[in-house]
Amino acid sequence: MKKLAIALISFAAILPMVGCDNQGPAEKAGERIDEAVDDASDAVEDAGDEVEDAMDGH
């Protein structure tokens, strides 16, 4: 779980350096990366909720 969090933070730190001034393919790639990071963040949050729910049941 920590490795995924570190990876997400790394992606978030790199995103501003992805040439935001450039239009076209680079901008589209940056948007795809943003979406992937958001999806991964949501998955981590969902997994945490599932673990919390499982612990509440015991």
C-alpha atoms as a PDB file:
ATOM      1  CA  MET A   1       0.000   0.000   0.000  1.00  0.00           C
ATOM      2  CA  LYS A   2       2.876   2.371   0.823  1.00  0.00           C
ATOM      3  CA  LYS A   3       4.524   1.659  -2.532  1.00  0.00           C
ATOM      4  CA  LEU A   4       1.350   2.636  -4.377  1.00  0.00           C
ATOM      5  CA  ALA A   5       1.037   5.820  -2.347  1.00  0.00           C
ATOM      6  CA  ILE A   6       4.668   6.689  -3.104  1.00  0.00           C
ATOM      7  CA  ALA A   7       4.073   6.027  -6.802  1.00  0.00           C
ATOM      8  CA  LEU A   8       1.004   8.276  -6.800  1.00  0.00           C
ATOM      9  CA  ILE A   9       2.882  11.065  -5.060  1.00  0.00           C
ATOM     10  CA  SER A  10       5.737  10.686  -7.546  1.00  0.00           C
ATOM     11  CA  PHE A  11       3.351  10.964 -10.496  1.00  0.00           C
ATOM     12  CA  ALA A  12       1.733  14.010  -8.947  1.00  0.00           C
ATOM     13  CA  ALA A  13       5.151  15.630  -8.480  1.00  0.00           C
ATOM     14  CA  ILE A  14       6.178  14.892 -12.070  1.00  0.00           C
ATOM     15  CA  LEU A  15       2.979  16.145 -13.710  1.00  0.00           C
ATOM     16  CA  PRO A  16       3.811  19.863 -13.458  1.00  0.00           C
ATOM     17  CA  MET A  17       7.067  19.166 -15.324  1.00  0.00           C
ATOM     18  CA  VAL A  18       5.308  17.566 -18.295  1.00  0.00           C
ATOM     19  CA  GLY A  19       5.364  20.705 -20.408  1.00  0.00           C
ATOM     20  CA  CYS A  20       1.938  22.096 -19.670  1.00  0.00           C
ATOM     21  CA  ASP A  21       2.539  24.873 -22.213  1.00  0.00           C
ATOM     22  CA  ASN A  22       2.715  22.372 -25.073  1.00  0.00           C
ATOM     23  CA  GLN A  23      -0.458  21.675 -26.986  1.00  0.00           C
ATOM     24  CA  GLY A  24      -1.259  18.462 -28.762  1.00  0.00           C
ATOM     25  CA  PRO A  25      -0.018  14.928 -28.017  1.00  0.00           C
ATOM     26  CA  ALA A  26       1.944  15.872 -24.894  1.00  0.00           C
ATOM     27  CA  GLU A  27      -1.081  17.592 -23.391  1.00  0.00           C
ATOM     28  CA  LYS A  28      -3.274  14.584 -24.189  1.00  0.00           C
ATOM     29  CA  ALA A  29      -0.719  12.258 -22.611  1.00  0.00           C
ATOM     30  CA  GLY A  30      -0.683  14.451 -19.501  1.00  0.00           C
ATOM     31  CA  GLU A  31      -4.443  14.267 -19.264  1.00  0.00           C
ATOM     32  CA  ARG A  32      -4.313  10.479 -19.568  1.00  0.00           C
ATOM     33  CA  ILE A  33      -1.744  10.370 -16.777  1.00  0.00           C
ATOM     34  CA  ASP A  34      -3.981  12.581 -14.630  1.00  0.00           C
ATOM     35  CA  GLU A  35      -6.889  10.220 -15.219  1.00  0.00           C
ATOM     36  CA  ALA A  36      -4.757   7.173 -14.425  1.00  0.00           C
ATOM     37  CA  VAL A  37      -3.557   8.744 -11.175  1.00  0.00           C
ATOM     38  CA  ASP A  38      -7.126   9.654 -10.225  1.00  0.00           C
ATOM     39  CA  ASP A  39      -8.293   6.102 -10.984  1.00  0.00           C
ATOM     40  CA  ALA A  40      -5.447   4.616  -8.950  1.00  0.00           C
ATOM     41  CA  SER A  41      -6.205   6.974  -6.068  1.00  0.00           C
ATOM     42  CA  ASP A  42      -9.858   5.944  -6.152  1.00  0.00           C
ATOM     43  CA  ALA A  43      -8.857   2.272  -6.167  1.00  0.00           C
ATOM     44  CA  VAL A  44      -6.620   2.786  -3.128  1.00  0.00           C
ATOM     45  CA  GLU A  45      -9.415   4.592  -1.308  1.00  0.00           C
ATOM     46  CA  ASP A  46     -11.891   1.819  -2.177  1.00  0.00           C
ATOM     47  CA  ALA A  47      -9.456  -0.846  -0.990  1.00  0.00           C
ATOM     48  CA  GLY A  48      -8.979   1.028   2.269  1.00  0.00           C
ATOM     49  CA  ASP A  49     -12.738   1.220   2.737  1.00  0.00           C
ATOM     50  CA  GLU A  50     -13.036  -2.522   2.125  1.00  0.00           C
ATOM     51  CA  VAL A  51     -10.334  -3.246   4.690  1.00  0.00           C
ATOM     52  CA  GLU A  52     -12.030  -0.953   7.180  1.00  0.00           C
ATOM     53  CA  ASP A  53     -15.385  -2.654   6.561  1.00  0.00           C
ATOM     54  CA  ALA A  54     -13.806  -6.086   6.962  1.00  0.00           C
ATOM     55  CA  MET A  55     -12.212  -5.070  10.254  1.00  0.00           C
ATOM     56  CA  ASP A  56     -15.510  -3.677  11.536  1.00  0.00           C
ATOM     57  CA  GLY A  57     -17.085  -7.076  10.906  1.00  0.00           C
ATOM     58  CA  HIS A  58     -14.631  -8.893  13.186  1.00  0.00           C
END
